[in-house]
Protein backbone atom coordinates (compact mmCIF):
# COMPACT_ATOMS: atom_id res chain seq x y z
CA UNK A 1 15.66 30.40 22.78
CA UNK A 2 17.70 32.88 24.79
CA UNK A 3 17.79 35.29 21.82
CA UNK A 4 14.02 35.05 21.33
CA UNK A 5 13.50 35.69 25.03
CA UNK A 6 15.70 38.81 24.93
CA UNK A 7 13.99 40.11 21.80
CA UNK A 8 10.59 39.57 23.43
CA UNK A 9 11.71 41.44 26.53
CA UNK A 10 13.08 44.23 24.31
CA UNK A 11 9.74 44.57 22.48
CA UNK A 12 7.84 44.66 25.78
CA UNK A 13 10.14 47.38 27.14
CA UNK A 14 9.77 49.30 23.87
CA UNK A 15 5.98 49.03 24.12
CA UNK A 16 6.02 50.31 27.70
CA UNK A 17 8.32 53.14 26.60
CA UNK A 18 5.88 54.16 23.84
CA UNK A 19 2.95 54.05 26.27
CA UNK A 20 4.76 56.23 28.82
CA UNK A 21 5.80 58.73 26.14
CA UNK A 22 2.28 59.06 24.74
CA UNK A 23 0.59 59.35 28.13
CA UNK A 24 3.00 61.80 29.78
CA UNK A 25 1.52 65.25 29.17
CA UNK A 26 4.54 67.18 30.46
CA UNK A 27 6.93 65.15 28.34
CA UNK A 28 4.71 65.62 25.29
CA UNK A 29 4.66 69.34 25.92
CA UNK A 30 8.46 69.40 26.08
CA UNK A 31 8.75 67.33 22.89
CA UNK A 32 6.32 69.66 21.13
CA UNK A 33 8.39 72.71 22.14
CA UNK A 34 11.55 71.13 20.74
CA UNK A 35 9.69 70.04 17.62
CA UNK A 36 8.52 73.61 17.10
CA UNK A 37 12.17 74.70 17.11
CA UNK A 38 12.93 72.21 14.36
CA UNK A 39 10.05 73.71 12.37
CA UNK A 40 11.64 77.15 12.77
CA UNK A 41 15.00 75.80 11.65
CA UNK A 42 13.56 74.14 8.55
CA UNK A 43 11.63 77.27 7.65
CA UNK A 44 14.78 79.39 7.99
CA UNK A 45 16.85 77.00 5.85
CA UNK A 46 14.15 76.90 3.15
CA UNK A 47 14.06 80.69 3.08
CA UNK A 48 17.85 80.95 2.93
CA UNK A 49 17.87 78.57 -0.03
CA UNK A 50 15.45 80.78 -1.95
CA UNK A 51 12.18 79.37 -0.64
CA UNK A 52 8.87 80.57 -1.95
CA UNK A 53 8.53 84.08 -3.31
CA UNK A 54 6.24 86.56 -1.62
CA UNK A 55 3.36 88.00 -3.61
CA UNK A 56 4.50 91.30 -5.11
CA UNK A 57 0.91 92.59 -5.24
CA UNK A 58 0.78 92.83 -1.44
CA UNK A 59 1.91 96.26 -0.21
CA UNK A 60 2.16 97.51 3.37
CA UNK A 61 1.50 101.11 4.35
CA UNK A 62 3.44 101.24 7.61
CA UNK A 63 3.17 103.46 10.63
CA UNK A 64 6.89 103.10 11.20
CA UNK A 65 9.12 105.10 13.55
CA UNK A 66 9.54 107.90 10.96
CA UNK A 67 5.77 108.11 10.43
CA UNK A 68 5.11 108.14 14.16
CA UNK A 69 7.51 111.06 14.52
CA UNK A 70 5.84 112.84 11.56
CA UNK A 71 2.35 112.37 13.05
CA UNK A 72 3.36 113.74 16.45
CA UNK A 73 5.05 116.72 14.79
CA UNK A 74 2.16 117.56 12.46
CA UNK A 75 -0.97 116.33 14.26
CA UNK A 76 0.21 116.50 17.85
CA UNK A 77 -1.21 113.14 18.90
CA UNK A 78 -1.63 109.46 18.12
CA UNK A 79 -3.90 107.97 16.90
CA UNK A 80 -4.57 109.99 13.79
CA UNK A 81 -7.92 111.71 13.17
CA UNK A 82 -10.12 109.29 11.18
CA UNK A 83 -10.63 111.71 8.27
CA UNK A 84 -6.89 111.36 7.48
CA UNK A 85 -7.50 107.67 6.77
CA UNK A 86 -10.57 108.60 4.72
CA UNK A 87 -8.46 110.96 2.60
CA UNK A 88 -5.82 108.23 2.10
CA UNK A 89 -8.54 105.76 1.02
CA UNK A 90 -9.91 108.27 -1.49
CA UNK A 91 -6.39 108.88 -2.83
CA UNK A 92 -5.62 105.15 -3.20
CA UNK A 93 -8.94 104.33 -4.85
CA UNK A 94 -7.81 106.43 -7.82
CA UNK A 95 -5.41 103.57 -8.66
CA UNK A 96 -8.19 100.95 -8.51
CA UNK A 97 -6.50 98.70 -5.94
CA UNK A 98 -7.77 95.16 -5.36
CA UNK A 99 -8.26 95.71 -1.62
CA UNK A 100 -7.42 98.13 1.17
CA UNK A 101 -7.21 96.43 4.58
CA UNK A 102 -6.61 98.06 7.95
CA UNK A 103 -4.77 95.91 10.49
CA UNK A 104 -5.89 98.61 12.90
CA UNK A 105 -8.98 98.94 15.07
CA UNK A 106 -11.08 102.12 14.95
CA UNK A 107 -12.39 101.91 18.51
CA UNK A 108 -14.68 104.68 19.76
CA UNK A 109 -14.68 108.29 18.61
CA UNK A 110 -11.74 110.56 19.25
CA UNK A 111 -12.85 113.36 21.56
CA UNK A 112 -10.79 115.97 19.76
CA UNK A 113 -11.95 114.91 16.27
CA UNK A 114 -15.45 113.62 16.73
CA UNK A 115 -16.66 114.68 13.29
CA UNK A 116 -13.73 113.06 11.54
CA UNK A 117 -15.15 109.58 12.19
CA UNK A 118 -18.02 110.19 9.80
CA UNK A 119 -15.62 110.75 6.91
CA UNK A 120 -14.10 107.31 7.51
CA UNK A 121 -17.54 105.72 7.87
CA UNK A 122 -18.54 107.26 4.54
CA UNK A 123 -15.45 105.71 2.91
CA UNK A 124 -16.52 102.26 4.12
CA UNK A 125 -19.98 102.89 2.71
CA UNK A 126 -18.64 104.10 -0.60
CA UNK A 127 -15.97 101.49 -1.36
CA UNK A 128 -16.62 97.74 -1.24
CA UNK A 129 -12.95 96.79 -1.29
CA UNK A 130 -12.06 98.39 2.06
CA UNK A 131 -11.64 96.16 5.10
CA UNK A 132 -10.99 96.73 8.77
CA UNK A 133 -10.44 94.65 11.88
CA UNK A 134 -11.83 93.84 15.28
CA UNK A 135 -10.56 91.82 18.22
CA UNK A 136 -12.08 89.26 20.59
CA UNK A 137 -10.87 88.68 24.14
CA UNK A 138 -11.90 87.20 27.48
CA UNK A 139 -12.25 90.39 29.50
CA UNK A 140 -14.64 90.28 32.44
CA UNK A 141 -18.19 91.56 31.88
CA UNK A 142 -17.48 93.87 34.84
CA UNK A 143 -15.09 95.78 32.58
CA UNK A 144 -17.03 95.58 29.34
CA UNK A 145 -20.45 94.14 28.57
CA UNK A 146 -20.07 91.58 25.75
CA UNK A 147 -21.69 93.26 22.73
CA UNK A 148 -24.06 91.65 20.28
CA UNK A 149 -22.70 91.66 16.73
CA UNK A 150 -24.80 91.68 13.57
CA UNK A 151 -25.18 88.36 11.75
CA UNK A 152 -23.56 89.80 8.62
CA UNK A 153 -20.13 89.69 10.28
CA UNK A 154 -20.34 85.95 11.02
CA UNK A 155 -19.91 83.03 8.65
CA UNK A 156 -21.66 79.66 8.67
CA UNK A 157 -19.29 76.75 9.37
CA UNK A 158 -20.20 73.05 9.29
CA UNK A 159 -17.65 71.32 11.51
CA UNK A 160 -17.23 67.61 10.72
CA UNK A 161 -13.83 67.36 12.45
CA UNK A 162 -12.82 66.64 16.04
CA UNK A 163 -11.67 70.24 16.55
CA UNK A 164 -13.76 71.88 19.26
CA UNK A 165 -12.26 75.39 18.95
CA UNK A 166 -12.08 75.59 22.76
CA UNK A 167 -8.84 77.60 22.59
CA UNK A 168 -10.32 79.91 19.96
CA UNK A 169 -13.60 80.61 21.75
CA UNK A 170 -13.88 84.07 23.30
CA UNK A 171 -16.29 85.60 25.77
CA UNK A 172 -15.95 89.30 24.99
CA UNK A 173 -15.30 91.68 22.11
CA UNK A 174 -13.61 95.03 21.72
CA UNK A 175 -16.12 96.59 19.39
CA UNK A 176 -15.19 99.17 16.75
CA UNK A 177 -17.21 102.21 15.69
CA UNK A 178 -20.90 101.41 15.35
CA UNK A 179 -21.05 103.44 12.14
CA UNK A 180 -18.41 101.25 10.49
CA UNK A 181 -20.22 98.06 11.59
CA UNK A 182 -23.44 99.44 10.10
CA UNK A 183 -21.66 100.55 6.92
CA UNK A 184 -19.85 97.33 5.91
CA UNK A 185 -19.53 93.60 6.45
CA UNK A 186 -15.83 93.74 5.49
CA UNK A 187 -14.71 93.30 9.09
CA UNK A 188 -12.39 90.49 10.18
CA UNK A 189 -10.81 89.55 13.48
CA UNK A 190 -7.08 89.86 14.16
CA UNK A 191 -6.64 87.41 17.04
CA UNK A 192 -3.41 85.41 16.94
CA UNK A 193 -2.22 82.00 18.19
CA UNK A 194 1.11 81.70 19.96
CA UNK A 195 2.95 78.56 20.99
CA UNK A 196 4.01 78.04 24.61
CA UNK A 197 7.40 79.59 23.82
CA UNK A 198 5.73 82.81 22.61
CA UNK A 199 6.54 82.24 18.93
CA UNK A 200 3.73 82.78 16.44
CA UNK A 201 3.75 79.88 14.00
CA UNK A 202 0.07 79.68 13.14
CA UNK A 203 -3.04 81.85 12.93
CA UNK A 204 -6.72 81.11 13.43
CA UNK A 205 -8.75 81.16 10.23
CA UNK A 206 -11.92 81.41 12.25
CA UNK A 207 -12.80 81.95 15.91
CA UNK A 208 -15.94 81.53 18.00
CA UNK A 209 -17.86 84.20 19.83
CA UNK A 210 -21.36 83.75 21.24
CA UNK A 211 -21.69 80.40 19.39
CA UNK A 212 -20.95 81.95 16.00
CA UNK A 213 -17.88 81.74 13.77
CA UNK A 214 -16.05 84.88 12.68
CA UNK A 215 -13.35 84.99 9.98
CA UNK A 216 -9.80 86.26 10.23
CA UNK A 217 -9.22 89.63 8.50
CA UNK A 218 -6.85 88.06 5.97
CA UNK A 219 -9.36 85.26 5.34
CA UNK A 220 -12.04 87.86 4.62
CA UNK A 221 -9.75 89.68 2.19
CA UNK A 222 -8.57 86.40 0.63
CA UNK A 223 -12.05 84.99 0.05
CA UNK A 224 -13.05 88.08 -1.91
CA UNK A 225 -9.70 88.10 -3.74
CA UNK A 226 -10.30 84.49 -4.85
CA UNK A 227 -13.79 85.42 -6.02
CA UNK A 228 -15.52 82.99 -3.67
CA UNK A 229 -19.22 83.59 -3.26
CA UNK A 230 -21.43 82.70 -0.34
CA UNK A 231 -21.04 82.73 3.40
CA UNK A 232 -21.01 79.01 4.27
CA UNK A 233 -17.95 76.78 4.67
CA UNK A 234 -17.19 73.24 5.77
CA UNK A 235 -14.46 71.61 7.87
CA UNK A 236 -14.16 67.98 6.76
CA UNK A 237 -13.35 65.01 9.00
CA UNK A 238 -9.65 65.41 8.15
CA UNK A 239 -9.62 68.93 9.69
CA UNK A 240 -9.50 70.71 6.34
CA UNK A 241 -11.41 73.98 5.92
CA UNK A 242 -12.77 73.97 2.36
CA UNK A 243 -12.66 77.26 0.49
CA UNK A 244 -13.49 76.68 -3.15
CA UNK A 245 -10.97 74.16 -4.50
CA UNK A 246 -8.64 74.79 -1.55
CA UNK A 247 -8.34 72.60 1.53
CA UNK A 248 -6.64 74.43 4.37
CA UNK A 249 -5.43 72.10 7.13
CA UNK A 250 -6.31 73.18 10.67
CA UNK A 251 -4.10 72.13 13.58
CA UNK A 252 -5.57 70.53 16.72
CA UNK A 253 -6.62 73.92 18.16
CA UNK A 254 -8.21 75.07 14.88
CA UNK A 255 -5.40 77.31 13.60
CA UNK A 256 -3.69 77.17 10.22
CA UNK A 257 0.11 76.68 10.23
CA UNK A 258 1.78 79.47 8.28
CA UNK A 259 4.43 78.93 5.62
CA UNK A 260 6.84 81.84 5.90
CA UNK A 261 8.29 83.76 2.98
CA UNK A 262 11.13 85.53 4.74
CA UNK A 263 12.20 87.75 7.59
CA UNK A 264 10.64 91.12 8.34
CA UNK A 265 10.66 93.35 5.26
CA UNK A 266 9.70 90.61 2.80
CA UNK A 267 6.88 92.72 1.39
CA UNK A 268 7.00 96.19 -0.11
CA UNK A 269 6.90 98.76 2.69
CA UNK A 270 5.79 102.36 2.20
CA UNK A 271 6.01 104.73 5.20
CA UNK A 272 2.57 106.19 5.83
CA UNK A 273 3.92 109.72 6.17
CA UNK A 274 4.86 109.65 2.47
CA UNK A 275 1.26 108.75 1.55
CA UNK A 276 -0.08 111.49 3.83
CA UNK A 277 2.21 113.99 2.14
CA UNK A 278 1.06 112.84 -1.29
CA UNK A 279 -2.59 113.18 -0.21
CA UNK A 280 -1.91 116.68 1.11
CA UNK A 281 -0.08 117.68 -2.07
CA UNK A 282 3.27 118.04 -0.28
CA UNK A 283 6.59 117.14 -1.84
CA UNK A 284 7.41 113.50 -1.19
CA UNK A 285 9.54 110.62 -2.43
CA UNK A 286 6.46 108.47 -2.97
CA UNK A 287 6.25 107.33 -6.56
CA UNK A 288 4.34 104.05 -6.55
CA UNK A 289 1.59 102.56 -8.68
CA UNK A 290 -1.04 101.00 -6.41
CA UNK A 291 -3.04 99.55 -9.30
CA UNK A 292 -4.39 96.05 -8.56
CA UNK A 293 -2.50 95.92 -5.29
CA UNK A 294 -3.67 94.54 -1.95
CA UNK A 295 -2.82 97.34 0.45
CA UNK A 296 -2.42 96.67 4.16
CA UNK A 297 -2.28 99.45 6.74
CA UNK A 298 -0.54 98.60 9.99
CA UNK A 299 1.90 99.71 12.69
CA UNK A 300 5.57 98.71 12.66
CA UNK A 301 6.94 101.27 15.13
CA UNK A 302 8.30 99.50 18.23
CA UNK A 303 6.61 102.05 20.51
CA UNK A 304 3.16 101.03 19.21
CA UNK A 305 3.58 97.44 20.47
CA UNK A 306 2.45 95.39 17.50
CA UNK A 307 5.64 93.36 17.17
CA UNK A 308 5.63 89.55 17.25
CA UNK A 309 8.22 86.76 17.23
CA UNK A 310 7.91 84.28 14.37
CA UNK A 311 10.04 81.36 13.09
CA UNK A 312 11.97 83.64 10.73
CA UNK A 313 12.71 86.48 13.14
CA UNK A 314 12.31 87.82 16.66
CA UNK A 315 10.93 91.13 15.40
CA UNK A 316 8.06 90.77 12.98
CA UNK A 317 5.24 93.35 12.64
CA UNK A 318 1.70 92.13 13.10
CA UNK A 319 0.64 93.70 9.80
CA UNK A 320 3.23 91.61 7.94
CA UNK A 321 1.87 88.49 9.64
CA UNK A 322 -1.52 89.42 8.17
CA UNK A 323 0.13 89.85 4.78
CA UNK A 324 1.89 86.48 5.10
CA UNK A 325 -1.37 84.82 6.14
CA UNK A 326 -3.12 86.27 3.07
CA UNK A 327 -0.20 85.22 0.86
CA UNK A 328 -0.57 81.63 2.12
CA UNK A 329 -4.27 81.70 1.30
CA UNK A 330 -3.73 83.05 -2.20
CA UNK A 331 -0.96 80.51 -2.94
CA UNK A 332 -2.75 77.65 -1.13
CA UNK A 333 0.52 77.36 0.74
CA UNK A 334 -0.37 76.56 4.36
CA UNK A 335 1.60 73.86 6.17
CA UNK A 336 -0.05 70.51 6.88
CA UNK A 337 1.19 68.74 10.00
CA UNK A 338 1.21 64.95 9.92
CA UNK A 339 -1.20 63.38 12.39
CA UNK A 340 0.42 62.27 15.69
CA UNK A 341 -0.75 58.71 15.09
CA UNK A 342 1.13 58.57 11.78
CA UNK A 343 4.14 60.18 13.47
CA UNK A 344 4.22 57.44 16.10
CA UNK A 345 3.89 54.78 13.38
CA UNK A 346 6.79 56.32 11.44
CA UNK A 347 8.82 56.56 14.64
CA UNK A 348 8.24 52.88 15.41
CA UNK A 349 9.16 51.82 11.85
CA UNK A 350 12.35 53.91 11.96
CA UNK A 351 13.22 52.51 15.40
CA UNK A 352 12.69 48.91 14.23
CA UNK A 353 14.81 49.55 11.14
CA UNK A 354 17.66 50.91 13.27
CA UNK A 355 17.31 48.04 15.76
CA UNK A 356 17.50 45.60 12.83
CA UNK A 357 20.67 47.27 11.54
CA UNK A 358 22.32 47.12 14.97
CA UNK A 359 21.40 43.47 15.50
CA UNK A 360 22.59 42.34 12.06
CA UNK A 361 25.81 44.32 11.58
CA UNK A 362 28.77 42.99 13.55
CA UNK A 363 30.92 46.13 13.50
CA UNK A 364 29.84 48.62 16.18
CA UNK A 365 31.23 51.52 14.14
CA UNK A 366 29.45 50.43 10.96
CA UNK A 367 26.17 49.82 12.80
CA UNK A 368 26.36 53.24 14.46
CA UNK A 369 27.17 54.93 11.16
CA UNK A 370 24.32 53.15 9.37
CA UNK A 371 21.86 54.05 12.16
CA UNK A 372 22.94 57.67 12.07
CA UNK A 373 22.66 57.68 8.28
CA UNK A 374 19.16 56.19 8.47
CA UNK A 375 17.96 58.97 10.75
CA UNK A 376 19.78 61.59 8.66
CA UNK A 377 17.96 60.35 5.57
CA UNK A 378 14.69 60.75 7.47
CA UNK A 379 15.72 64.32 8.38
CA UNK A 380 16.32 65.07 4.69
CA UNK A 381 12.95 63.57 3.79
CA UNK A 382 11.24 65.73 6.42
CA UNK A 383 13.04 68.82 5.12
CA UNK A 384 12.13 68.27 1.47
CA UNK A 385 8.58 67.27 2.45
CA UNK A 386 8.19 70.71 3.98
CA UNK A 387 10.00 72.51 1.17
CA UNK A 388 8.16 70.94 -1.74
CA UNK A 389 5.03 69.43 -0.19
CA UNK A 390 4.22 71.87 2.65
CA UNK A 391 4.21 68.79 4.90
CA UNK A 392 5.43 68.93 8.50
CA UNK A 393 6.93 65.55 9.39
CA UNK A 394 7.93 65.53 13.04
CA UNK A 395 11.57 64.68 13.77
CA UNK A 396 11.85 64.62 17.58
CA UNK A 397 9.61 61.61 18.23
CA UNK A 398 11.50 59.56 15.61
CA UNK A 399 14.79 60.71 17.19
CA UNK A 400 13.74 59.64 20.70
CA UNK A 401 12.40 56.30 19.47
CA UNK A 402 15.51 55.70 17.35
CA UNK A 403 17.89 56.42 20.24
CA UNK A 404 15.90 54.15 22.55
CA UNK A 405 15.78 51.35 19.95
CA UNK A 406 19.50 51.78 19.19
CA UNK A 407 20.34 51.53 22.90
CA UNK A 408 18.06 48.54 23.54
CA UNK A 409 19.38 46.71 20.47
CA UNK A 410 22.96 47.22 21.60
CA UNK A 411 22.18 46.02 25.12
CA UNK A 412 20.46 42.90 23.75
CA UNK A 413 23.30 42.35 21.31
CA UNK A 414 25.82 42.70 24.13
CA UNK A 415 23.92 40.22 26.32
CA UNK A 416 23.72 37.73 23.46
CA UNK A 417 27.42 38.13 22.67
CA UNK A 418 28.33 37.85 26.34
CA UNK A 419 26.35 34.64 26.64
CA UNK A 420 27.85 33.29 23.40
CA UNK A 421 31.30 34.19 24.69
CA UNK A 422 30.61 32.42 27.98
CA UNK A 423 29.39 29.35 26.12
CA UNK A 424 32.41 29.35 23.84
CA UNK A 425 34.74 29.86 26.76
CA UNK A 426 33.05 27.05 28.65
CA UNK A 427 33.35 24.74 25.66
CA UNK A 428 37.04 25.64 25.30
CA UNK A 429 37.90 25.13 28.97
CA UNK A 430 35.48 22.46 30.21
CA UNK A 431 35.44 18.70 29.85
CA UNK A 432 32.18 17.67 28.22
CA UNK A 433 31.64 14.52 30.28
CA UNK A 434 32.51 15.53 33.85
CA UNK A 435 31.95 19.29 33.43
CA UNK A 436 35.29 19.83 35.17
CA UNK A 437 37.95 22.08 33.69
CA UNK A 438 39.91 20.33 30.96
CA UNK A 439 43.63 19.52 30.72
CA UNK A 440 44.51 22.67 28.76
CA UNK A 441 42.91 24.86 31.43
CA UNK A 442 44.76 22.86 34.12
CA UNK A 443 48.12 23.58 32.46
CA UNK A 444 47.34 27.31 32.19
CA UNK A 445 46.22 27.56 35.82
CA UNK A 446 49.13 25.69 37.36
CA UNK A 447 51.60 27.91 35.49
CA UNK A 448 49.70 30.96 36.77
CA UNK A 449 49.81 29.61 40.34
CA UNK A 450 53.59 29.20 40.10
CA UNK A 451 53.99 32.80 38.88
CA UNK A 452 51.68 34.24 41.56
CA UNK A 453 53.30 32.22 44.34
CA UNK A 454 56.73 33.45 43.23
CA UNK A 455 55.55 37.05 43.14
CA UNK A 456 53.77 37.04 46.50
CA UNK A 457 55.98 34.42 48.25
CA UNK A 458 53.07 32.09 48.97
CA UNK A 459 52.52 28.37 48.57
CA UNK A 460 49.96 26.28 46.69
CA UNK A 461 49.32 22.57 46.50
CA UNK A 462 48.32 20.07 43.83
CA UNK A 463 46.34 16.84 44.24
CA UNK A 464 46.27 14.28 41.42
CA UNK A 465 43.56 11.60 41.69
CA UNK A 466 43.17 8.29 39.91
CA UNK A 467 40.14 5.95 40.16
CA UNK A 468 41.35 2.54 41.28
CA UNK A 469 41.04 -0.35 38.83
CA UNK A 470 38.99 1.80 36.44
CA UNK A 471 39.91 -0.22 33.32
CA UNK A 472 38.72 -3.40 35.03
CA UNK A 473 35.58 -1.50 36.14
CA UNK A 474 34.81 -0.57 32.52
CA UNK A 475 35.38 -4.14 31.37
CA UNK A 476 33.05 -5.43 34.09
CA UNK A 477 30.21 -2.92 34.08
CA UNK A 478 30.57 -1.25 30.67
CA UNK A 479 31.74 2.14 29.50
CA UNK A 480 28.38 3.82 30.14
CA UNK A 481 28.58 2.87 33.82
CA UNK A 482 32.18 4.02 33.78
CA UNK A 483 31.10 7.43 32.47
CA UNK A 484 28.44 7.63 35.21
CA UNK A 485 31.10 6.93 37.86
CA UNK A 486 33.43 9.55 36.37
CA UNK A 487 30.64 12.16 36.63
CA UNK A 488 29.80 11.26 40.23
CA UNK A 489 33.45 11.24 41.33
CA UNK A 490 33.89 14.66 39.69
CA UNK A 491 30.87 16.04 41.57
CA UNK A 492 32.16 14.57 44.84
CA UNK A 493 35.49 16.35 44.32
CA UNK A 494 33.77 19.68 43.63
CA UNK A 495 31.56 19.40 46.70
CA UNK A 496 34.48 18.75 49.02
CA UNK A 497 36.81 21.60 48.07
CA UNK A 498 36.68 25.38 48.39
CA UNK A 499 35.16 27.67 45.77
CA UNK A 500 38.65 28.98 44.99
CA UNK A 501 40.07 25.51 44.34
CA UNK A 502 40.33 24.44 40.70
CA UNK A 503 39.10 20.89 39.91
CA UNK A 504 40.14 19.54 36.50
CA UNK A 505 40.01 16.33 34.49
CA UNK A 506 43.63 15.49 34.00
CA UNK A 507 43.06 12.70 31.50
CA UNK A 508 41.20 9.38 31.28
CA UNK A 509 40.19 8.45 34.83
CA UNK A 510 42.68 10.89 36.36
CA UNK A 511 41.59 14.18 37.90
CA UNK A 512 43.44 17.01 39.62
CA UNK A 513 42.80 19.77 42.13
CA UNK A 514 44.86 22.98 42.35
CA UNK A 515 44.61 24.50 45.83
CA UNK A 516 45.79 28.16 45.90
CA UNK A 517 47.38 29.46 49.14
CA UNK A 518 47.40 25.98 50.64
CA UNK A 519 50.20 24.34 52.67
CA UNK A 520 51.14 20.67 52.40
CA UNK A 521 49.46 19.84 55.72
CA UNK A 522 46.18 21.45 54.61
CA UNK A 523 46.37 19.73 51.23
CA UNK A 524 46.94 16.31 52.86
CA UNK A 525 43.92 16.82 55.10
CA UNK A 526 41.77 17.78 52.07
CA UNK A 527 43.07 14.79 50.09
CA UNK A 528 42.35 12.41 52.97
CA UNK A 529 38.82 13.80 53.35
CA UNK A 530 38.12 13.32 49.63
CA UNK A 531 39.53 9.79 49.70
CA UNK A 532 37.23 8.83 52.56
CA UNK A 533 34.14 10.50 51.03
CA UNK A 534 34.59 8.65 47.74
CA UNK A 535 35.19 5.32 49.48
CA UNK A 536 32.06 5.68 51.60
CA UNK A 537 29.77 6.72 48.73
CA UNK A 538 27.48 4.37 46.82
CA UNK A 539 27.80 5.09 43.08
CA UNK A 540 24.83 4.49 40.81
CA UNK A 541 25.64 2.64 37.62
CA UNK A 542 24.04 2.96 34.22
CA UNK A 543 21.84 -0.12 34.79
CA UNK A 544 20.51 1.27 38.09
CA UNK A 545 22.71 -0.86 40.37
CA UNK A 546 25.05 0.61 42.99
CA UNK A 547 28.67 -0.10 43.80
CA UNK A 548 31.66 1.25 45.74
CA UNK A 549 34.63 2.96 44.13
CA UNK A 550 37.96 3.98 45.62
CA UNK A 551 40.58 6.47 44.54
CA UNK A 552 44.31 6.99 45.03
CA UNK A 553 45.76 10.47 45.48
CA UNK A 554 49.15 12.12 45.19
CA UNK A 555 49.95 15.49 46.79
CA UNK A 556 52.71 18.03 46.10
CA UNK A 557 53.28 21.58 47.28
CA UNK A 558 55.04 24.61 45.85
CA UNK A 559 57.83 25.55 46.62
CA UNK A 560 58.87 22.65 48.86
CA UNK A 561 58.37 19.99 46.16
CA UNK A 562 59.52 22.00 43.16
CA UNK A 563 59.95 25.44 41.66
CA UNK A 564 58.22 24.87 38.28
CA UNK A 565 54.88 23.53 37.17
CA UNK A 566 56.51 20.48 35.60
CA UNK A 567 58.28 19.60 38.86
CA UNK A 568 55.12 20.03 40.96
CA UNK A 569 53.16 17.75 38.58
CA UNK A 570 55.92 15.14 38.51
CA UNK A 571 56.10 14.96 42.32
CA UNK A 572 52.32 14.65 42.71
CA UNK A 573 52.22 12.01 39.96
CA UNK A 574 55.03 10.04 41.60
CA UNK A 575 53.23 10.09 44.97
CA UNK A 576 50.01 8.98 43.26
CA UNK A 577 51.76 5.90 41.95
CA UNK A 578 53.28 5.30 45.40
CA UNK A 579 49.72 5.27 46.80
CA UNK A 580 48.64 2.80 44.11
CA UNK A 581 51.66 0.57 44.71
CA UNK A 582 51.00 0.62 48.47
CA UNK A 583 47.52 -0.82 48.12
CA UNK A 584 45.38 2.01 46.66
CA UNK A 585 42.48 3.86 48.40
CA UNK A 586 44.97 6.17 50.09
CA UNK A 587 46.93 9.42 49.86
CA UNK A 588 50.51 9.16 48.66
């Protein structure tokens, strides 16, 4: 019964613990931040073990530090005149690339090169595989009037999920050149999603602006790469965005969790200055076949401020994030995070398993090792689920639940063992009938009193009690009435001594009291008081009748009556018999 009660209390506490964890927003935020770090660690380990290979058809034309220096030396300013990009597009199209995408925004005309914009606009008109980007924000209308965008840039999305896209809804737009918008629909947004710690782990596939959905640049490129037709898409009730036969899981804010292929430099990088030289017919080291490649233009120079922090590195260019995003889309390789409800269920199951191990295994070391091994196995499962199944199983909630369950189970186990120990100790030291200490305990205690009195030069006394004519009483009233009298005499003794005094059943109808730090005079007074209390008490018998009982007592004191336990007992026993021989119902 006691065990069931403790287990019930443990389950109630565990339930309260779960409730508090789930409802505490700050704690959940902290757990999520730690969980994100475990995601980073798993991604890094997977990459170090070989991981997934990046698509070799994705090439990055980078405005790196060397290119930035080249541009300033040869053009005198940044950004470049737009006709330079037009010339590079014309040069690359000779190789028949799959796509050319600019992770760069062509905002407004350059005052010094106003006519150069038209050359770039003409390139967008001429080639259907050229893409560029735009950005949404929440700037005040006082700064910039939110522009109206043509319907051709939006996509139709049927949202059957619980995602409301509140975090991916924007109120303003930094519009690019009107001529480019008129010339092409190959325009995607390049907004990003960062976690609270500033690390970019996921990217929005789509965002909302003026109640319409707009696709990410990489999504735009990827849809055309996959040969998908149409402009309408669906998000099912499980938060999956359907693109052809692909189902891309969207996290609670509407972003897709990226599976990383490596640190910065995973993809083929070509400095833009080499391409410019090739276009201009200058001598260059560039010797690359761009046939059937997906070519991304973007900045990697630190001074141009397009550097992000991702799980695989603190310095990661934004253009390579776009490339990684596209690579995920092509490979259908996005990460799917397990629903929080399933995570809590797994955490509870793991916690109950560990609690069961702790409660069933006697060895503390073995139980601890098995519990640790159980959680370690779960860690391995979560690692391989991400490596081979692109599945993000959370590990921090299970860890917290497991530690709590482990602790609770040990506390309950300790309480049960303590109670069992107390019961065993009581059985070993207590007389079952009178509930007084037994003869063995009496012998241990009187030896201890002798040793302590010797050490501290103090005295103690012993009283031995015998119920008068008890054999005759049993013969007259029966053994059951005799047992009832023994119990009541025992209780009378306990009520009339100090808490520090030790009352024992010496044997048969004999009982004893050890009185620590007690002189002979004090012991005689106590013995006389007990004798009178017993004589004046009416004892209830087994048949309901009442009768009087008397006792005889013998008193001895250490060290005046002996220097050993045996001597003290012998003297008290002798004086008990003197009391009995002198008429009973008295102190010897």
